[in-house]
């Protein structure tokens, strides 16, 4: 349905997370305040794959810290989460996760059909809602494109945004895929939809400070490198769908259901305040960077 490890992170465990946060506040500390933060202005390494500039007023934590934060928010992790970047006031955040699928050819860059892709996403979402129901997660209704898929040939970046609705609350899932030699860096922006207009320009500016390490760049592809079994369109509607026939129905469904519930951001309102309390502690104020 969606990309292999789509992480427009679902905060469906918000109640549990809030309980943990309140407990942390009562104890006078935060369960994650000891994370290894790199505060800007600085340069942060994303494993051996890439680096990103952390501007003044922002901070970054590595793979271990990212997984700790996401799990504290009630999100499952799989070990591929590599970085968490956010402004110091914690109003929104960005998650980096690498999918080592190989070199994704962009031969279909001029054939991206937004209508067909949206139809496929809606059909897949219907199945995803069945899984969400069994998991006790509120259903998601896909409204349409917030931003249709667009590919930049110069940067080899693919981005799109889906607008949805869950229990009357607006949901925006903003996705960016940074193509590399050996796979794709999946970058997800998590923000209150009401704050999207303010956060999006800053998010895009952050991405200009991202670069693959030498040997990992898209342009450094060499004959014999692993090539992904699908192209750009499949990155949007889901790489698993492109190889579903080869995997068999049940294997494909297992892949789809495993990731489908992680598509959306539910109850994003007040997430910034919760994260601030979780990381900084109730009695502490965000540092003025």
C-alpha atoms as a PDB file:
ATOM      1  CA  UNK A   1       0.000   0.000   0.000  1.00  0.00           C
ATOM      2  CA  UNK A   2       2.386   2.654   1.183  1.00  0.00           C
ATOM      3  CA  UNK A   3       6.139   2.793   1.060  1.00  0.00           C
ATOM      4  CA  UNK A   4       8.028  -0.040   2.746  1.00  0.00           C
ATOM      5  CA  UNK A   5       8.535   1.784   5.999  1.00  0.00           C
ATOM      6  CA  UNK A   6       6.203   4.760   5.656  1.00  0.00           C
ATOM      7  CA  UNK A   7       6.578   6.809   8.805  1.00  0.00           C
ATOM      8  CA  UNK A   8       4.139   9.606   8.823  1.00  0.00           C
ATOM      9  CA  UNK A   9       4.130   8.512  12.427  1.00  0.00           C
ATOM     10  CA  UNK A  10       0.849   7.496  13.992  1.00  0.00           C
ATOM     11  CA  UNK A  11       0.434   8.847  17.472  1.00  0.00           C
ATOM     12  CA  UNK A  12      -2.317   6.328  18.171  1.00  0.00           C
ATOM     13  CA  UNK A  13      -0.651   5.563  21.483  1.00  0.00           C
ATOM     14  CA  UNK A  14      -1.052   9.174  22.549  1.00  0.00           C
ATOM     15  CA  UNK A  15      -3.071   8.374  25.674  1.00  0.00           C
ATOM     16  CA  UNK A  16      -0.451   5.900  26.870  1.00  0.00           C
ATOM     17  CA  UNK A  17       2.302   8.333  26.006  1.00  0.00           C
ATOM     18  CA  UNK A  18       0.582  11.161  27.843  1.00  0.00           C
ATOM     19  CA  UNK A  19       0.270   8.934  30.893  1.00  0.00           C
ATOM     20  CA  UNK A  20       4.014   8.290  30.752  1.00  0.00           C
ATOM     21  CA  UNK A  21       4.713  11.976  30.296  1.00  0.00           C
ATOM     22  CA  UNK A  22       2.572  12.918  33.285  1.00  0.00           C
ATOM     23  CA  UNK A  23       4.326  10.313  35.402  1.00  0.00           C
ATOM     24  CA  UNK A  24       7.657  11.797  34.323  1.00  0.00           C
ATOM     25  CA  UNK A  25       6.441  15.275  35.249  1.00  0.00           C
ATOM     26  CA  UNK A  26       5.354  14.150  38.693  1.00  0.00           C
ATOM     27  CA  UNK A  27       8.736  12.587  39.310  1.00  0.00           C
ATOM     28  CA  UNK A  28      10.360  15.849  38.299  1.00  0.00           C
ATOM     29  CA  UNK A  29      12.281  14.394  35.359  1.00  0.00           C
ATOM     30  CA  UNK A  30      11.969  13.209  31.786  1.00  0.00           C
ATOM     31  CA  UNK A  31      12.581   9.666  30.545  1.00  0.00           C
ATOM     32  CA  UNK A  32      14.461  10.975  27.540  1.00  0.00           C
ATOM     33  CA  UNK A  33      16.193  14.116  28.778  1.00  0.00           C
ATOM     34  CA  UNK A  34      19.517  12.260  28.787  1.00  0.00           C
ATOM     35  CA  UNK A  35      19.394  11.582  25.059  1.00  0.00           C
ATOM     36  CA  UNK A  36      22.439  12.553  23.047  1.00  0.00           C
ATOM     37  CA  UNK A  37      21.340  15.807  21.388  1.00  0.00           C
ATOM     38  CA  UNK A  38      23.370  17.725  18.818  1.00  0.00           C
ATOM     39  CA  UNK A  39      22.307  21.351  19.018  1.00  0.00           C
ATOM     40  CA  UNK A  40      22.758  23.746  16.142  1.00  0.00           C
ATOM     41  CA  UNK A  41      24.554  25.270  14.538  1.00  0.00           C
ATOM     42  CA  UNK A  42      26.295  21.957  13.916  1.00  0.00           C
ATOM     43  CA  UNK A  43      26.662  19.093  11.481  1.00  0.00           C
ATOM     44  CA  UNK A  44      25.121  15.731  12.401  1.00  0.00           C
ATOM     45  CA  UNK A  45      25.974  12.327  10.958  1.00  0.00           C
ATOM     46  CA  UNK A  46      23.163  10.015   9.906  1.00  0.00           C
ATOM     47  CA  UNK A  47      24.975   6.732  10.400  1.00  0.00           C
ATOM     48  CA  UNK A  48      27.565   6.203   7.626  1.00  0.00           C
ATOM     49  CA  UNK A  49      25.073   7.195   4.943  1.00  0.00           C
ATOM     50  CA  UNK A  50      24.607  10.945   5.116  1.00  0.00           C
ATOM     51  CA  UNK A  51      24.930  14.142   7.083  1.00  0.00           C
ATOM     52  CA  UNK A  52      22.591  17.006   7.823  1.00  0.00           C
ATOM     53  CA  UNK A  53      23.172  20.578   8.919  1.00  0.00           C
ATOM     54  CA  UNK A  54      21.451  21.365  12.214  1.00  0.00           C
ATOM     55  CA  UNK A  55      20.653  25.097  12.164  1.00  0.00           C
ATOM     56  CA  UNK A  56      20.622  27.361  15.173  1.00  0.00           C
ATOM     57  CA  UNK A  57      17.423  26.809  17.118  1.00  0.00           C
ATOM     58  CA  UNK A  58      17.241  23.101  16.141  1.00  0.00           C
ATOM     59  CA  UNK A  59      18.533  19.871  17.621  1.00  0.00           C
ATOM     60  CA  UNK A  60      19.185  16.340  16.371  1.00  0.00           C
ATOM     61  CA  UNK A  61      19.455  12.928  18.004  1.00  0.00           C
ATOM     62  CA  UNK A  62      20.866   9.732  16.506  1.00  0.00           C
ATOM     63  CA  UNK A  63      19.328   6.328  15.814  1.00  0.00           C
ATOM     64  CA  UNK A  64      19.214   5.231  19.447  1.00  0.00           C
ATOM     65  CA  UNK A  65      17.656   8.484  20.576  1.00  0.00           C
ATOM     66  CA  UNK A  66      15.168   8.444  17.705  1.00  0.00           C
ATOM     67  CA  UNK A  67      13.955   4.967  18.570  1.00  0.00           C
ATOM     68  CA  UNK A  68      13.665   5.910  22.250  1.00  0.00           C
ATOM     69  CA  UNK A  69      11.540   8.954  21.407  1.00  0.00           C
ATOM     70  CA  UNK A  70       9.264   7.142  18.969  1.00  0.00           C
ATOM     71  CA  UNK A  71       8.683   4.273  21.356  1.00  0.00           C
ATOM     72  CA  UNK A  72       7.877   6.776  24.114  1.00  0.00           C
ATOM     73  CA  UNK A  73       5.215   8.181  21.767  1.00  0.00           C
ATOM     74  CA  UNK A  74       3.705   4.731  21.305  1.00  0.00           C
ATOM     75  CA  UNK A  75       5.171   4.011  17.892  1.00  0.00           C
ATOM     76  CA  UNK A  76       6.768   0.645  17.064  1.00  0.00           C
ATOM     77  CA  UNK A  77      10.327   0.783  15.756  1.00  0.00           C
ATOM     78  CA  UNK A  78      12.242  -1.624  13.529  1.00  0.00           C
ATOM     79  CA  UNK A  79      15.827  -0.490  13.939  1.00  0.00           C
ATOM     80  CA  UNK A  80      15.977   1.446  10.688  1.00  0.00           C
ATOM     81  CA  UNK A  81      15.159   4.788  12.296  1.00  0.00           C
ATOM     82  CA  UNK A  82      18.332   6.850  12.014  1.00  0.00           C
ATOM     83  CA  UNK A  83      17.604  10.412  13.066  1.00  0.00           C
ATOM     84  CA  UNK A  84      15.191  12.828  14.737  1.00  0.00           C
ATOM     85  CA  UNK A  85      15.455  16.556  13.975  1.00  0.00           C
ATOM     86  CA  UNK A  86      13.302  19.253  15.524  1.00  0.00           C
ATOM     87  CA  UNK A  87      13.223  22.900  16.618  1.00  0.00           C
ATOM     88  CA  UNK A  88      14.181  23.318  20.274  1.00  0.00           C
ATOM     89  CA  UNK A  89      10.598  24.321  21.143  1.00  0.00           C
ATOM     90  CA  UNK A  90       9.476  20.855  19.942  1.00  0.00           C
ATOM     91  CA  UNK A  91       6.517  22.223  17.955  1.00  0.00           C
ATOM     92  CA  UNK A  92       7.148  19.728  15.132  1.00  0.00           C
ATOM     93  CA  UNK A  93       9.716  17.133  14.170  1.00  0.00           C
ATOM     94  CA  UNK A  94      11.311  15.216  11.325  1.00  0.00           C
ATOM     95  CA  UNK A  95      12.206  11.526  11.274  1.00  0.00           C
ATOM     96  CA  UNK A  96      14.876   9.978   9.016  1.00  0.00           C
ATOM     97  CA  UNK A  97      14.662   6.282   8.129  1.00  0.00           C
ATOM     98  CA  UNK A  98      16.663   4.439   5.480  1.00  0.00           C
ATOM     99  CA  UNK A  99      15.252   1.789   3.157  1.00  0.00           C
ATOM    100  CA  UNK A 100      18.081  -0.255   1.648  1.00  0.00           C
ATOM    101  CA  UNK A 101      16.105  -1.345  -1.423  1.00  0.00           C
ATOM    102  CA  UNK A 102      18.865  -0.511  -3.864  1.00  0.00           C
ATOM    103  CA  UNK A 103      19.108   2.037  -6.648  1.00  0.00           C
ATOM    104  CA  UNK A 104      15.629   3.279  -7.621  1.00  0.00           C
ATOM    105  CA  UNK A 105      15.534   4.129 -11.315  1.00  0.00           C
ATOM    106  CA  UNK A 106      13.646   7.311 -12.193  1.00  0.00           C
ATOM    107  CA  UNK A 107      12.640   6.203 -15.693  1.00  0.00           C
ATOM    108  CA  UNK A 108       8.981   6.873 -14.888  1.00  0.00           C
ATOM    109  CA  UNK A 109       9.561  10.452 -13.745  1.00  0.00           C
ATOM    110  CA  UNK A 110       7.448  11.836 -16.618  1.00  0.00           C
ATOM    111  CA  UNK A 111       4.695   9.258 -16.182  1.00  0.00           C
ATOM    112  CA  UNK A 112       3.576   9.881 -12.612  1.00  0.00           C
ATOM    113  CA  UNK A 113      -0.228   9.711 -12.697  1.00  0.00           C
ATOM    114  CA  UNK A 114      -1.536  11.350  -9.523  1.00  0.00           C
ATOM    115  CA  UNK A 115      -5.130  10.191 -10.061  1.00  0.00           C
ATOM    116  CA  UNK A 116      -4.181   6.529 -10.436  1.00  0.00           C
ATOM    117  CA  UNK A 117      -1.835   6.676  -7.468  1.00  0.00           C
ATOM    118  CA  UNK A 118      -4.479   8.277  -5.254  1.00  0.00           C
ATOM    119  CA  UNK A 119      -6.970   5.588  -6.259  1.00  0.00           C
ATOM    120  CA  UNK A 120      -4.478   2.868  -5.318  1.00  0.00           C
ATOM    121  CA  UNK A 121      -3.794   4.544  -1.979  1.00  0.00           C
ATOM    122  CA  UNK A 122      -7.512   4.813  -1.174  1.00  0.00           C
ATOM    123  CA  UNK A 123      -8.089   1.164  -2.052  1.00  0.00           C
ATOM    124  CA  UNK A 124      -5.182   0.105   0.116  1.00  0.00           C
ATOM    125  CA  UNK A 125      -6.399   2.336   2.929  1.00  0.00           C
ATOM    126  CA  UNK A 126      -9.718   0.495   3.022  1.00  0.00           C
ATOM    127  CA  UNK A 127      -7.831  -2.674   3.891  1.00  0.00           C
ATOM    128  CA  UNK A 128      -5.643  -0.741   6.293  1.00  0.00           C
ATOM    129  CA  UNK A 129      -8.745   0.469   8.147  1.00  0.00           C
ATOM    130  CA  UNK A 130      -9.770  -3.146   8.752  1.00  0.00           C
ATOM    131  CA  UNK A 131      -6.447  -3.711  10.464  1.00  0.00           C
ATOM    132  CA  UNK A 132      -6.730  -0.456  12.415  1.00  0.00           C
ATOM    133  CA  UNK A 133     -10.146  -1.557  13.664  1.00  0.00           C
ATOM    134  CA  UNK A 134      -8.753  -4.846  14.970  1.00  0.00           C
ATOM    135  CA  UNK A 135      -5.915  -2.946  16.629  1.00  0.00           C
ATOM    136  CA  UNK A 136      -8.289  -0.472  18.254  1.00  0.00           C
ATOM    137  CA  UNK A 137      -6.883   2.377  16.163  1.00  0.00           C
ATOM    138  CA  UNK A 138      -9.315   5.002  14.772  1.00  0.00           C
ATOM    139  CA  UNK A 139     -10.027   4.672  11.021  1.00  0.00           C
ATOM    140  CA  UNK A 140      -8.547   7.044   8.481  1.00  0.00           C
ATOM    141  CA  UNK A 141     -10.407   8.555   5.554  1.00  0.00           C
ATOM    142  CA  UNK A 142      -8.288   9.733   2.626  1.00  0.00           C
ATOM    143  CA  UNK A 143      -9.515  13.120   1.421  1.00  0.00           C
ATOM    144  CA  UNK A 144      -7.043  13.675  -1.410  1.00  0.00           C
ATOM    145  CA  UNK A 145      -3.685  15.171  -2.272  1.00  0.00           C
ATOM    146  CA  UNK A 146      -2.372  17.979  -0.126  1.00  0.00           C
ATOM    147  CA  UNK A 147       0.494  17.991  -2.615  1.00  0.00           C
ATOM    148  CA  UNK A 148       0.552  15.653  -5.649  1.00  0.00           C
ATOM    149  CA  UNK A 149       3.766  13.652  -6.172  1.00  0.00           C
ATOM    150  CA  UNK A 150       6.593  15.723  -7.635  1.00  0.00           C
ATOM    151  CA  UNK A 151      10.120  14.636  -8.546  1.00  0.00           C
ATOM    152  CA  UNK A 152      13.159  16.924  -8.740  1.00  0.00           C
ATOM    153  CA  UNK A 153      15.617  15.596 -11.328  1.00  0.00           C
ATOM    154  CA  UNK A 154      18.467  17.727  -9.973  1.00  0.00           C
ATOM    155  CA  UNK A 155      18.262  16.665  -6.341  1.00  0.00           C
ATOM    156  CA  UNK A 156      16.650  13.247  -6.994  1.00  0.00           C
ATOM    157  CA  UNK A 157      14.074  14.009  -4.327  1.00  0.00           C
ATOM    158  CA  UNK A 158      10.475  12.808  -4.513  1.00  0.00           C
ATOM    159  CA  UNK A 159       7.815  14.448  -2.364  1.00  0.00           C
ATOM    160  CA  UNK A 160       4.090  14.283  -1.846  1.00  0.00           C
ATOM    161  CA  UNK A 161       1.490  14.918   0.832  1.00  0.00           C
ATOM    162  CA  UNK A 162      -1.813  13.213   1.546  1.00  0.00           C
ATOM    163  CA  UNK A 163      -4.674  14.895   3.364  1.00  0.00           C
ATOM    164  CA  UNK A 164      -6.958  12.743   5.440  1.00  0.00           C
ATOM    165  CA  UNK A 165      -9.390  12.813   8.325  1.00  0.00           C
ATOM    166  CA  UNK A 166      -9.614  10.718  11.463  1.00  0.00           C
ATOM    167  CA  UNK A 167     -12.397  11.118  14.013  1.00  0.00           C
ATOM    168  CA  UNK A 168     -13.103  14.605  12.711  1.00  0.00           C
ATOM    169  CA  UNK A 169      -9.495  15.733  13.003  1.00  0.00           C
ATOM    170  CA  UNK A 170      -7.544  16.763   9.902  1.00  0.00           C
ATOM    171  CA  UNK A 171      -4.490  14.676   9.083  1.00  0.00           C
ATOM    172  CA  UNK A 172      -1.635  15.552   6.742  1.00  0.00           C
ATOM    173  CA  UNK A 173       0.987  12.959   5.894  1.00  0.00           C
ATOM    174  CA  UNK A 174       3.950  14.766   4.285  1.00  0.00           C
ATOM    175  CA  UNK A 175       6.537  12.503   2.694  1.00  0.00           C
ATOM    176  CA  UNK A 176       9.931  13.093   1.107  1.00  0.00           C
ATOM    177  CA  UNK A 177      12.148  10.424  -0.418  1.00  0.00           C
ATOM    178  CA  UNK A 178      15.821  11.217  -0.986  1.00  0.00           C
ATOM    179  CA  UNK A 179      17.178   8.792  -3.563  1.00  0.00           C
ATOM    180  CA  UNK A 180      20.667   7.412  -3.034  1.00  0.00           C
ATOM    181  CA  UNK A 181      22.970   4.863  -4.598  1.00  0.00           C
ATOM    182  CA  UNK A 182      21.993   1.973  -2.322  1.00  0.00           C
ATOM    183  CA  UNK A 183      18.490   2.929  -1.265  1.00  0.00           C
ATOM    184  CA  UNK A 184      16.132   5.677  -0.212  1.00  0.00           C
ATOM    185  CA  UNK A 185      16.198   7.949   2.808  1.00  0.00           C
ATOM    186  CA  UNK A 186      12.586   8.296   3.938  1.00  0.00           C
ATOM    187  CA  UNK A 187      11.963  11.640   5.596  1.00  0.00           C
ATOM    188  CA  UNK A 188       8.671  12.317   7.368  1.00  0.00           C
ATOM    189  CA  UNK A 189       7.456  15.636   8.715  1.00  0.00           C
ATOM    190  CA  UNK A 190       5.151  15.402  11.744  1.00  0.00           C
ATOM    191  CA  UNK A 191       3.270  18.612  12.426  1.00  0.00           C
ATOM    192  CA  UNK A 192      -0.149  19.879  13.407  1.00  0.00           C
ATOM    193  CA  UNK A 193      -1.951  20.469  10.067  1.00  0.00           C
ATOM    194  CA  UNK A 194      -2.797  23.965  11.293  1.00  0.00           C
ATOM    195  CA  UNK A 195       0.922  24.701  11.532  1.00  0.00           C
ATOM    196  CA  UNK A 196       1.847  23.127   8.197  1.00  0.00           C
ATOM    197  CA  UNK A 197       2.084  26.441   6.346  1.00  0.00           C
ATOM    198  CA  UNK A 198       4.598  27.731   8.886  1.00  0.00           C
ATOM    199  CA  UNK A 199       6.630  24.547   9.317  1.00  0.00           C
ATOM    200  CA  UNK A 200       6.851  23.440   5.680  1.00  0.00           C
ATOM    201  CA  UNK A 201       9.201  26.201   4.433  1.00  0.00           C
ATOM    202  CA  UNK A 202      11.528  25.539   7.372  1.00  0.00           C
ATOM    203  CA  UNK A 203      11.375  21.804   6.702  1.00  0.00           C
ATOM    204  CA  UNK A 204      12.336  22.294   3.054  1.00  0.00           C
ATOM    205  CA  UNK A 205      15.186  24.542   4.110  1.00  0.00           C
ATOM    206  CA  UNK A 206      16.422  21.800   6.435  1.00  0.00           C
ATOM    207  CA  UNK A 207      16.534  19.360   3.522  1.00  0.00           C
ATOM    208  CA  UNK A 208      18.885  21.650   1.605  1.00  0.00           C
ATOM    209  CA  UNK A 209      21.384  20.897   4.376  1.00  0.00           C
ATOM    210  CA  UNK A 210      21.120  17.140   3.789  1.00  0.00           C
ATOM    211  CA  UNK A 211      23.667  15.291   1.666  1.00  0.00           C
ATOM    212  CA  UNK A 212      24.697  11.695   1.123  1.00  0.00           C
ATOM    213  CA  UNK A 213      28.265  10.751   1.969  1.00  0.00           C
ATOM    214  CA  UNK A 214      30.743  10.118  -0.839  1.00  0.00           C
ATOM    215  CA  UNK A 215      30.006   6.701  -2.292  1.00  0.00           C
ATOM    216  CA  UNK A 216      26.327   6.877  -1.351  1.00  0.00           C
ATOM    217  CA  UNK A 217      25.159   9.553  -3.785  1.00  0.00           C
ATOM    218  CA  UNK A 218      22.592   8.750  -6.470  1.00  0.00           C
ATOM    219  CA  UNK A 219      24.939   9.909  -9.229  1.00  0.00           C
ATOM    220  CA  UNK A 220      27.608   7.445  -8.050  1.00  0.00           C
ATOM    221  CA  UNK A 221      25.638   4.397  -9.173  1.00  0.00           C
ATOM    222  CA  UNK A 222      27.814   1.760 -10.845  1.00  0.00           C
ATOM    223  CA  UNK A 223      26.993  -1.192 -13.021  1.00  0.00           C
ATOM    224  CA  UNK A 224      26.466  -4.190 -10.771  1.00  0.00           C
ATOM    225  CA  UNK A 225      24.907  -2.245  -7.873  1.00  0.00           C
ATOM    226  CA  UNK A 226      21.658  -3.582  -6.474  1.00  0.00           C
ATOM    227  CA  UNK A 227      18.671  -2.123  -8.350  1.00  0.00           C
ATOM    228  CA  UNK A 228      15.241  -1.760  -6.731  1.00  0.00           C
ATOM    229  CA  UNK A 229      12.419  -3.801  -8.247  1.00  0.00           C
ATOM    230  CA  UNK A 230      10.238  -0.711  -8.650  1.00  0.00           C
ATOM    231  CA  UNK A 231      10.342   2.957  -9.613  1.00  0.00           C
ATOM    232  CA  UNK A 232       9.094   6.324  -8.393  1.00  0.00           C
ATOM    233  CA  UNK A 233       5.358   5.633  -8.622  1.00  0.00           C
ATOM    234  CA  UNK A 234       5.732   2.577  -6.420  1.00  0.00           C
ATOM    235  CA  UNK A 235       7.541   4.660  -3.794  1.00  0.00           C
ATOM    236  CA  UNK A 236       4.336   6.650  -3.461  1.00  0.00           C
ATOM    237  CA  UNK A 237       1.757   3.853  -3.477  1.00  0.00           C
ATOM    238  CA  UNK A 238       4.073   1.349  -1.824  1.00  0.00           C
ATOM    239  CA  UNK A 239       7.099  -0.611  -2.907  1.00  0.00           C
ATOM    240  CA  UNK A 240       5.555  -3.798  -1.556  1.00  0.00           C
ATOM    241  CA  UNK A 241       2.726  -3.519  -4.068  1.00  0.00           C
ATOM    242  CA  UNK A 242       5.196  -3.583  -6.936  1.00  0.00           C
ATOM    243  CA  UNK A 243       6.527  -6.976  -5.932  1.00  0.00           C
ATOM    244  CA  UNK A 244       3.333  -8.339  -4.358  1.00  0.00           C
ATOM    245  CA  UNK A 245       2.736 -10.870  -7.104  1.00  0.00           C
ATOM    246  CA  UNK A 246       6.180 -12.375  -6.587  1.00  0.00           C
ATOM    247  CA  UNK A 247       5.749 -12.563  -2.824  1.00  0.00           C
ATOM    248  CA  UNK A 248       2.322 -14.158  -2.959  1.00  0.00           C
ATOM    249  CA  UNK A 249      -0.938 -12.758  -1.616  1.00  0.00           C
ATOM    250  CA  UNK A 250      -0.480 -13.537   2.051  1.00  0.00           C
ATOM    251  CA  UNK A 251       3.129 -12.362   2.138  1.00  0.00           C
ATOM    252  CA  UNK A 252       2.102  -9.125   0.443  1.00  0.00           C
ATOM    253  CA  UNK A 253      -0.778  -8.550   2.853  1.00  0.00           C
ATOM    254  CA  UNK A 254       1.549  -9.164   5.775  1.00  0.00           C
ATOM    255  CA  UNK A 255       3.897  -6.492   4.466  1.00  0.00           C
ATOM    256  CA  UNK A 256       1.079  -4.071   3.781  1.00  0.00           C
ATOM    257  CA  UNK A 257      -0.670  -4.511   7.122  1.00  0.00           C
ATOM    258  CA  UNK A 258       2.608  -4.283   9.016  1.00  0.00           C
ATOM    259  CA  UNK A 259       3.148  -0.727   7.821  1.00  0.00           C
ATOM    260  CA  UNK A 260      -0.332   0.537   6.967  1.00  0.00           C
ATOM    261  CA  UNK A 261      -1.260   1.609  10.483  1.00  0.00           C
ATOM    262  CA  UNK A 262       1.837   3.811  10.680  1.00  0.00           C
ATOM    263  CA  UNK A 263       0.619   6.050   7.861  1.00  0.00           C
ATOM    264  CA  UNK A 264      -1.122   8.848   9.677  1.00  0.00           C
ATOM    265  CA  UNK A 265      -0.605  11.293  12.477  1.00  0.00           C
ATOM    266  CA  UNK A 266      -3.611  11.090  14.769  1.00  0.00           C
ATOM    267  CA  UNK A 267      -4.299  13.773  17.350  1.00  0.00           C
ATOM    268  CA  UNK A 268      -1.294  15.833  16.390  1.00  0.00           C
ATOM    269  CA  UNK A 269      -2.779  18.839  18.142  1.00  0.00           C
ATOM    270  CA  UNK A 270      -0.816  19.468  21.333  1.00  0.00           C
ATOM    271  CA  UNK A 271       1.876  16.996  20.340  1.00  0.00           C
ATOM    272  CA  UNK A 272       4.429  19.774  20.490  1.00  0.00           C
ATOM    273  CA  UNK A 273       3.482  20.611  24.076  1.00  0.00           C
ATOM    274  CA  UNK A 274       3.575  16.939  25.047  1.00  0.00           C
ATOM    275  CA  UNK A 275       7.001  16.391  23.521  1.00  0.00           C
ATOM    276  CA  UNK A 276       8.314  19.502  25.242  1.00  0.00           C
ATOM    277  CA  UNK A 277       7.177  18.125  28.589  1.00  0.00           C
ATOM    278  CA  UNK A 278       8.503  14.671  27.787  1.00  0.00           C
ATOM    279  CA  UNK A 279      11.947  15.817  26.753  1.00  0.00           C
ATOM    280  CA  UNK A 280      12.446  18.954  28.792  1.00  0.00           C
ATOM    281  CA  UNK A 281      10.370  18.180  31.871  1.00  0.00           C
ATOM    282  CA  UNK A 282       7.508  20.316  33.124  1.00  0.00           C
ATOM    283  CA  UNK A 283       9.664  22.506  35.312  1.00  0.00           C
ATOM    284  CA  UNK A 284      12.134  23.344  32.572  1.00  0.00           C
ATOM    285  CA  UNK A 285      11.824  25.830  29.753  1.00  0.00           C
ATOM    286  CA  UNK A 286      13.139  25.216  26.225  1.00  0.00           C
ATOM    287  CA  UNK A 287      16.582  26.635  25.817  1.00  0.00           C
ATOM    288  CA  UNK A 288      16.761  29.894  23.890  1.00  0.00           C
ATOM    289  CA  UNK A 289      18.991  29.035  20.989  1.00  0.00           C
END
